[in-house]
Amino acid sequence: MKTKLIFVAVILVVAVGVAVYFFRSGAGAPAAGAAQSATEPHRAANAAAKPPGEGHKTEIVRLSEEALREFGVETAVAGPGQLRREVQLPGEVKLNEVRVGHIVPRFGGIVKEIRHQLGDVVQAGEVMARVESNESLQSYDLKSLIGGTVIQQHITLGEMLEGNTEAFIVADLSSVWVDFSIYQKDIGLVQPGQQVTIIAPHGLGTATAKIAYLGPSMNEATRTALARVVLPAPDRNWLPGMFVTGRLVIDVKERPLVIPLTAVQAIEDRESVFVNTKDGFVPRAVRLGQKDSTSAEVLDGLSPGETFAAKGAFTLKAELLKGTLGDEH
């Protein structure tokens, strides 16, 4: 009986040893490797079948007609246009000195009555004040020489005026001067009679006028020459002292395909426009050529006859980015 038990124990030890040997030698690896090899073609097939960009929203912006109107999105048809070579001139609105009246007394005397104050609008010949003459002791009228607005007042009741005292200054503000500074490099490009577009800051307005006077010499301090425009200002919206910019067109060139700069947006570091398709607005990269202050020539990426967003493209870009960020989440 004892011998039989010993035999069984030996058999078990041998069996365990054989199992350990095969386990350590990786006898099961070929099966696992085979399974892995079997799955690789399947994964490769799936990778090959998956189209590029799958899982990302198609780059189309869809807005209702009402939303387009609300956001100020306007379309245009791509076609030929003009590019302008321009010179920009810094300028300042000033009083039209031809229409400024300096009101002084004829004789020295005492101010007995003041009829108009700073800011009043007066007519030519209207009485501004009454002064008692030191010589005759008679009162006489101090009248405005021109019609306009009282812009300065240097007179008070009971004041003793000298004969050369500037009691009032009246200016006709319906016409002003705009003085532009011309840099040396641009002097040969500016001539009397040329039309200038005058642009007020902060969107306060624009106007056009012709150069009426070109200074004969350079300002020694600024090294600039003077170009002057006489600008009608019936609404008095061009205030003396206001800084403006003058835009002078030097040359105009025709190009086969021109779009406004308002249509161009940077998308993924590329200059792009939103093309209007039956499915919505699609951003498309374009290659631009020459530009001026408002327009650009298109060399590639847009064809004549295609409809694109000429205004409000920034809104379309914002909608596109909102959709992209939503997909990433």
Protein backbone atom coordinates (compact mmCIF):
# COMPACT_ATOMS: atom_id res chain seq x y z
CA MET A 1 0.00 0.00 0.00
CA LYS A 2 2.83 2.33 0.87
CA THR A 3 4.51 1.60 -2.43
CA LYS A 4 1.36 2.47 -4.34
CA LEU A 5 1.10 5.87 -2.68
CA ILE A 6 4.69 6.67 -3.54
CA PHE A 7 4.04 5.82 -7.19
CA VAL A 8 1.02 8.12 -7.38
CA ALA A 9 3.00 10.98 -5.84
CA VAL A 10 5.77 10.56 -8.40
CA ILE A 11 3.21 10.64 -11.25
CA LEU A 12 1.72 13.92 -9.93
CA VAL A 13 5.13 15.57 -9.56
CA VAL A 14 6.04 14.67 -13.14
CA ALA A 15 2.73 16.00 -14.47
CA VAL A 16 3.14 19.31 -12.67
CA GLY A 17 6.69 19.67 -13.96
CA VAL A 18 5.62 19.08 -17.55
CA ALA A 19 2.85 21.68 -17.23
CA VAL A 20 5.22 24.27 -15.80
CA TYR A 21 7.72 23.63 -18.61
CA PHE A 22 5.21 24.18 -21.38
CA PHE A 23 3.77 27.27 -19.67
CA ARG A 24 7.18 28.94 -19.35
CA SER A 25 8.30 28.04 -22.87
CA GLY A 26 5.32 29.98 -24.38
CA ALA A 27 3.71 27.08 -26.01
CA GLY A 28 0.43 29.00 -25.89
CA ALA A 29 1.88 32.06 -27.64
CA PRO A 30 1.37 30.81 -31.17
CA ALA A 31 -2.36 30.61 -30.57
CA ALA A 32 -2.45 34.12 -29.19
CA GLY A 33 -0.25 35.35 -32.03
CA ALA A 34 -2.53 33.67 -34.50
CA ALA A 35 -5.52 35.38 -32.95
CA GLN A 36 -3.73 38.70 -33.11
CA SER A 37 -2.74 38.13 -36.73
CA ALA A 38 -6.31 37.32 -37.54
CA THR A 39 -7.55 40.65 -36.11
CA GLU A 40 -4.93 42.86 -37.84
CA PRO A 41 -6.37 42.51 -41.37
CA HIS A 42 -9.77 43.39 -39.97
CA ARG A 43 -8.43 46.55 -38.32
CA ALA A 44 -6.53 47.52 -41.45
CA ALA A 45 -9.65 47.02 -43.52
CA ASN A 46 -11.62 49.25 -41.16
CA ALA A 47 -8.92 51.94 -41.28
CA ALA A 48 -8.88 51.88 -45.06
CA ALA A 49 -12.66 52.09 -45.25
CA LYS A 50 -12.93 55.14 -42.89
CA PRO A 51 -13.02 58.35 -44.99
CA PRO A 52 -10.74 61.31 -44.03
CA GLY A 53 -12.38 63.73 -41.67
CA GLU A 54 -15.09 61.34 -40.55
CA GLY A 55 -16.44 62.38 -37.16
CA HIS A 56 -16.08 66.10 -37.92
CA LYS A 57 -18.98 68.28 -38.88
CA THR A 58 -19.10 69.29 -42.56
CA GLU A 59 -17.90 72.88 -42.93
CA ILE A 60 -21.23 74.40 -43.91
CA VAL A 61 -22.96 77.33 -42.22
CA ARG A 62 -26.73 77.30 -42.49
CA LEU A 63 -28.72 80.37 -41.45
CA SER A 64 -32.29 81.33 -42.18
CA GLU A 65 -33.07 84.34 -44.36
CA GLU A 66 -34.26 86.17 -41.27
CA ALA A 67 -30.98 85.45 -39.45
CA LEU A 68 -28.94 86.60 -42.46
CA ARG A 69 -30.79 89.91 -42.48
CA GLU A 70 -30.43 90.29 -38.72
CA PHE A 71 -26.67 89.69 -38.84
CA GLY A 72 -26.19 91.93 -41.87
CA VAL A 73 -24.97 89.18 -44.18
CA GLU A 74 -25.10 90.34 -47.80
CA THR A 75 -24.09 88.41 -50.89
CA ALA A 76 -22.56 89.46 -54.19
CA VAL A 77 -21.67 87.78 -57.47
CA ALA A 78 -17.95 87.44 -58.18
CA GLY A 79 -16.83 89.45 -61.18
CA PRO A 80 -14.49 92.14 -62.50
CA GLY A 81 -13.72 95.30 -60.60
CA GLN A 82 -11.31 98.14 -60.01
CA LEU A 83 -8.26 98.47 -57.79
CA ARG A 84 -7.14 101.93 -56.87
CA ARG A 85 -3.70 103.21 -56.03
CA GLU A 86 -4.21 105.73 -53.27
CA VAL A 87 -2.32 108.21 -51.15
CA GLN A 88 -3.51 108.83 -47.60
CA LEU A 89 -3.02 112.30 -46.14
CA PRO A 90 -3.42 113.35 -42.49
CA GLY A 91 -5.53 116.46 -42.14
CA GLU A 92 -7.30 118.85 -39.80
CA VAL A 93 -10.53 120.81 -40.13
CA LYS A 94 -10.02 124.55 -39.66
CA LEU A 95 -12.06 127.73 -39.86
CA ASN A 96 -12.55 129.10 -43.33
CA GLU A 97 -10.67 132.32 -42.63
CA VAL A 98 -12.30 134.04 -45.59
CA ARG A 99 -15.58 133.71 -43.68
CA VAL A 100 -14.44 134.92 -40.26
CA GLY A 101 -15.33 138.39 -38.95
CA HIS A 102 -13.38 140.16 -36.21
CA ILE A 103 -15.69 142.71 -34.58
CA VAL A 104 -13.87 145.73 -33.09
CA PRO A 105 -15.21 149.14 -31.91
CA ARG A 106 -14.82 152.21 -34.12
CA PHE A 107 -13.98 154.33 -31.08
CA GLY A 108 -12.84 153.51 -27.59
CA GLY A 109 -15.56 153.67 -24.99
CA ILE A 110 -17.68 152.00 -22.31
CA VAL A 111 -19.86 148.97 -23.06
CA LYS A 112 -23.44 149.97 -22.30
CA GLU A 113 -25.33 146.97 -23.71
CA ILE A 114 -24.54 143.45 -24.92
CA ARG A 115 -27.10 141.82 -27.20
CA HIS A 116 -25.38 138.57 -28.22
CA GLN A 117 -23.39 135.89 -26.44
CA LEU A 118 -21.00 133.12 -27.31
CA GLY A 119 -22.71 130.57 -29.56
CA ASP A 120 -25.42 132.87 -30.89
CA VAL A 121 -26.17 132.87 -34.61
CA VAL A 122 -26.24 136.38 -36.05
CA GLN A 123 -26.87 138.01 -39.39
CA ALA A 124 -24.61 140.40 -41.24
CA GLY A 125 -25.24 143.93 -39.97
CA GLU A 126 -26.93 142.75 -36.76
CA VAL A 127 -26.22 144.80 -33.62
CA MET A 128 -23.92 142.93 -31.23
CA ALA A 129 -23.51 145.60 -28.54
CA ARG A 130 -23.79 149.33 -27.82
CA VAL A 131 -20.76 151.38 -26.83
CA GLU A 132 -20.57 154.94 -25.47
CA SER A 133 -17.76 156.81 -27.24
CA ASN A 134 -15.11 158.43 -25.06
CA GLU A 135 -14.84 161.30 -27.53
CA SER A 136 -18.44 162.28 -28.21
CA LEU A 137 -20.10 160.58 -25.24
CA GLN A 138 -22.63 159.34 -27.76
CA SER A 139 -23.60 155.67 -27.96
CA TYR A 140 -23.12 153.79 -31.21
CA ASP A 141 -23.90 150.26 -32.42
CA LEU A 142 -21.25 147.55 -32.67
CA LYS A 143 -22.41 145.44 -35.63
CA SER A 144 -21.43 142.07 -37.05
CA LEU A 145 -19.66 142.24 -40.38
CA ILE A 146 -20.83 138.80 -41.52
CA GLY A 147 -23.54 136.25 -40.80
CA GLY A 148 -22.45 133.30 -38.71
CA THR A 149 -21.90 131.98 -35.20
CA VAL A 150 -20.26 133.85 -32.35
CA ILE A 151 -17.20 131.69 -31.60
CA GLN A 152 -15.37 134.11 -29.32
CA GLN A 153 -16.50 136.92 -27.01
CA HIS A 154 -14.11 139.34 -25.30
CA ILE A 155 -16.50 141.94 -23.94
CA THR A 156 -18.38 142.50 -20.66
CA LEU A 157 -20.94 145.08 -19.56
CA GLY A 158 -19.34 148.31 -18.34
CA GLU A 159 -15.92 147.39 -19.73
CA MET A 160 -13.73 150.12 -21.15
CA LEU A 161 -12.92 149.15 -24.74
CA GLU A 162 -9.87 150.38 -26.57
CA GLY A 163 -10.11 151.14 -30.25
CA ASN A 164 -8.34 147.92 -31.20
CA THR A 165 -10.18 145.57 -28.79
CA GLU A 166 -11.46 142.41 -30.50
CA ALA A 167 -14.94 142.32 -28.94
CA PHE A 168 -16.37 139.36 -30.92
CA ILE A 169 -15.29 136.83 -33.51
CA VAL A 170 -18.06 135.56 -35.81
CA ALA A 171 -17.49 132.63 -38.16
CA ASP A 172 -19.61 131.23 -40.97
CA LEU A 173 -19.37 127.51 -40.17
CA SER A 174 -21.29 126.44 -43.27
CA SER A 175 -17.91 126.24 -45.00
CA VAL A 176 -14.59 125.07 -43.52
CA TRP A 177 -11.05 124.46 -44.62
CA VAL A 178 -9.44 121.04 -44.44
CA ASP A 179 -5.65 121.34 -44.41
CA PHE A 180 -3.74 118.21 -45.40
CA SER A 181 -0.04 117.49 -44.86
CA ILE A 182 1.78 116.05 -47.88
CA TYR A 183 4.92 114.03 -47.20
CA GLN A 184 7.93 114.57 -49.44
CA LYS A 185 7.54 111.19 -51.17
CA ASP A 186 4.00 112.11 -52.28
CA ILE A 187 4.48 115.71 -53.36
CA GLY A 188 4.68 114.85 -57.05
CA LEU A 189 1.40 112.92 -56.86
CA VAL A 190 -0.79 115.73 -55.54
CA GLN A 191 -2.09 118.51 -57.78
CA PRO A 192 -4.72 121.27 -57.47
CA GLY A 193 -8.12 120.15 -58.72
CA GLN A 194 -7.73 116.52 -57.66
CA GLN A 195 -10.67 115.05 -55.77
CA VAL A 196 -10.10 113.92 -52.19
CA THR A 197 -12.28 111.67 -50.06
CA ILE A 198 -12.33 113.07 -46.52
CA ILE A 199 -12.94 110.57 -43.72
CA ALA A 200 -13.88 111.65 -40.21
CA PRO A 201 -12.81 109.45 -37.26
CA HIS A 202 -15.10 107.00 -35.46
CA GLY A 203 -17.49 106.75 -38.39
CA LEU A 204 -18.63 110.37 -38.08
CA GLY A 205 -18.90 110.79 -41.82
CA THR A 206 -17.22 111.10 -45.20
CA ALA A 207 -17.21 113.80 -47.86
CA THR A 208 -15.53 114.57 -51.17
CA ALA A 209 -14.01 117.83 -52.35
CA LYS A 210 -11.30 119.12 -54.65
CA ILE A 211 -7.90 120.47 -53.70
CA ALA A 212 -8.23 124.25 -53.94
CA TYR A 213 -4.74 125.29 -52.89
CA LEU A 214 -1.28 123.71 -52.85
CA GLY A 215 1.36 125.40 -50.70
CA PRO A 216 4.49 126.61 -52.53
CA SER A 217 6.94 125.59 -49.79
CA MET A 218 7.66 122.94 -47.17
CA ASN A 219 7.05 123.36 -43.47
CA GLU A 220 10.53 123.35 -41.96
CA ALA A 221 9.42 121.71 -38.72
CA THR A 222 7.33 118.87 -40.19
CA ARG A 223 8.92 118.61 -43.66
CA THR A 224 5.47 118.50 -45.22
CA ALA A 225 3.64 120.65 -47.76
CA LEU A 226 0.12 122.04 -47.46
CA ALA A 227 -2.87 120.98 -49.55
CA ARG A 228 -6.13 122.75 -48.74
CA VAL A 229 -9.72 121.81 -49.46
CA VAL A 230 -12.72 124.13 -49.11
CA LEU A 231 -15.47 121.88 -47.75
CA PRO A 232 -19.16 122.85 -47.57
CA ALA A 233 -20.58 121.95 -44.15
CA PRO A 234 -24.26 122.97 -44.18
CA ASP A 235 -25.04 120.58 -41.32
CA ARG A 236 -22.06 121.87 -39.33
CA ASN A 237 -20.82 118.32 -38.77
CA TRP A 238 -17.23 119.18 -39.72
CA LEU A 239 -16.00 120.95 -36.62
CA PRO A 240 -12.80 123.03 -36.62
CA GLY A 241 -10.09 121.15 -34.75
CA MET A 242 -11.26 117.72 -35.91
CA PHE A 243 -8.54 115.41 -37.24
CA VAL A 244 -9.41 113.63 -40.49
CA THR A 245 -7.84 111.44 -43.17
CA GLY A 246 -7.76 112.30 -46.86
CA ARG A 247 -7.75 109.58 -49.49
CA LEU A 248 -6.45 110.63 -52.88
CA VAL A 249 -6.83 108.25 -55.86
CA ILE A 250 -3.72 108.29 -58.04
CA ASP A 251 -4.39 105.41 -60.44
CA VAL A 252 -7.22 102.97 -61.25
CA LYS A 253 -6.69 99.47 -62.71
CA GLU A 254 -9.27 96.99 -64.00
CA ARG A 255 -8.97 93.39 -62.77
CA PRO A 256 -10.98 90.32 -63.90
CA LEU A 257 -12.03 89.25 -60.40
CA VAL A 258 -12.24 91.65 -57.45
CA ILE A 259 -13.97 91.21 -54.09
CA PRO A 260 -14.36 93.54 -51.09
CA LEU A 261 -11.99 93.02 -48.19
CA THR A 262 -15.02 92.62 -45.93
CA ALA A 263 -15.56 89.22 -47.58
CA VAL A 264 -12.15 87.86 -46.57
CA GLN A 265 -11.72 85.96 -43.30
CA ALA A 266 -8.73 84.05 -41.89
CA ILE A 267 -9.76 80.42 -41.37
CA GLU A 268 -7.08 77.92 -40.29
CA ASP A 269 -4.44 80.52 -41.19
CA ARG A 270 -5.74 80.79 -44.77
CA GLU A 271 -7.49 83.71 -46.42
CA SER A 272 -10.97 82.45 -47.21
CA VAL A 273 -14.39 83.54 -48.43
CA PHE A 274 -17.80 82.03 -47.77
CA VAL A 275 -19.34 80.75 -50.99
CA ASN A 276 -23.12 80.50 -51.06
CA THR A 277 -24.21 77.03 -52.20
CA LYS A 278 -27.59 75.24 -52.21
CA ASP A 279 -26.63 73.66 -48.88
CA GLY A 280 -25.42 76.85 -47.19
CA PHE A 281 -22.27 78.97 -46.91
CA VAL A 282 -19.07 77.01 -47.42
CA PRO A 283 -15.66 78.50 -46.49
CA ARG A 284 -13.18 78.28 -49.33
CA ALA A 285 -9.51 79.24 -49.33
CA VAL A 286 -8.54 81.86 -51.91
CA ARG A 287 -5.29 83.30 -53.19
CA LEU A 288 -5.32 87.08 -53.32
CA GLY A 289 -3.29 89.41 -55.50
CA GLN A 290 -3.12 93.18 -55.36
CA LYS A 291 -5.17 95.08 -52.80
CA ASP A 292 -6.28 98.61 -52.12
CA SER A 293 -7.95 100.08 -49.05
CA THR A 294 -11.30 98.39 -49.75
CA SER A 295 -10.87 95.59 -52.30
CA ALA A 296 -8.62 92.71 -53.35
CA GLU A 297 -7.92 90.83 -56.55
CA VAL A 298 -8.64 87.07 -56.47
CA LEU A 299 -6.11 84.92 -58.34
CA ASP A 300 -7.40 81.49 -57.36
CA GLY A 301 -10.14 79.80 -55.32
CA LEU A 302 -13.18 81.71 -56.60
CA SER A 303 -14.70 81.78 -60.07
CA PRO A 304 -16.61 84.56 -61.83
CA GLY A 305 -20.35 84.13 -61.39
CA GLU A 306 -20.14 82.43 -57.97
CA THR A 307 -22.12 84.00 -55.15
CA PHE A 308 -20.26 84.81 -51.94
CA ALA A 309 -20.81 86.67 -48.67
CA ALA A 310 -19.63 90.22 -49.36
CA LYS A 311 -20.67 91.57 -45.95
CA GLY A 312 -21.16 89.85 -42.62
CA ALA A 313 -18.54 87.18 -43.30
CA PHE A 314 -17.25 87.57 -39.76
CA THR A 315 -20.62 86.39 -38.44
CA LEU A 316 -20.44 83.31 -40.66
CA LYS A 317 -16.96 82.58 -39.35
CA ALA A 318 -18.21 82.84 -35.77
CA GLU A 319 -21.03 80.39 -36.54
CA LEU A 320 -18.54 78.01 -38.15
CA LEU A 321 -16.25 78.11 -35.11
CA LYS A 322 -19.19 77.46 -32.81
CA GLY A 323 -19.98 74.31 -34.76
CA THR A 324 -16.34 73.19 -34.75
CA LEU A 325 -16.01 73.62 -31.01
CA GLY A 326 -19.23 71.71 -30.51
CA ASP A 327 -17.89 68.75 -32.50
CA GLU A 328 -14.70 68.64 -30.44
CA HIS A 329 -16.76 68.17 -27.31
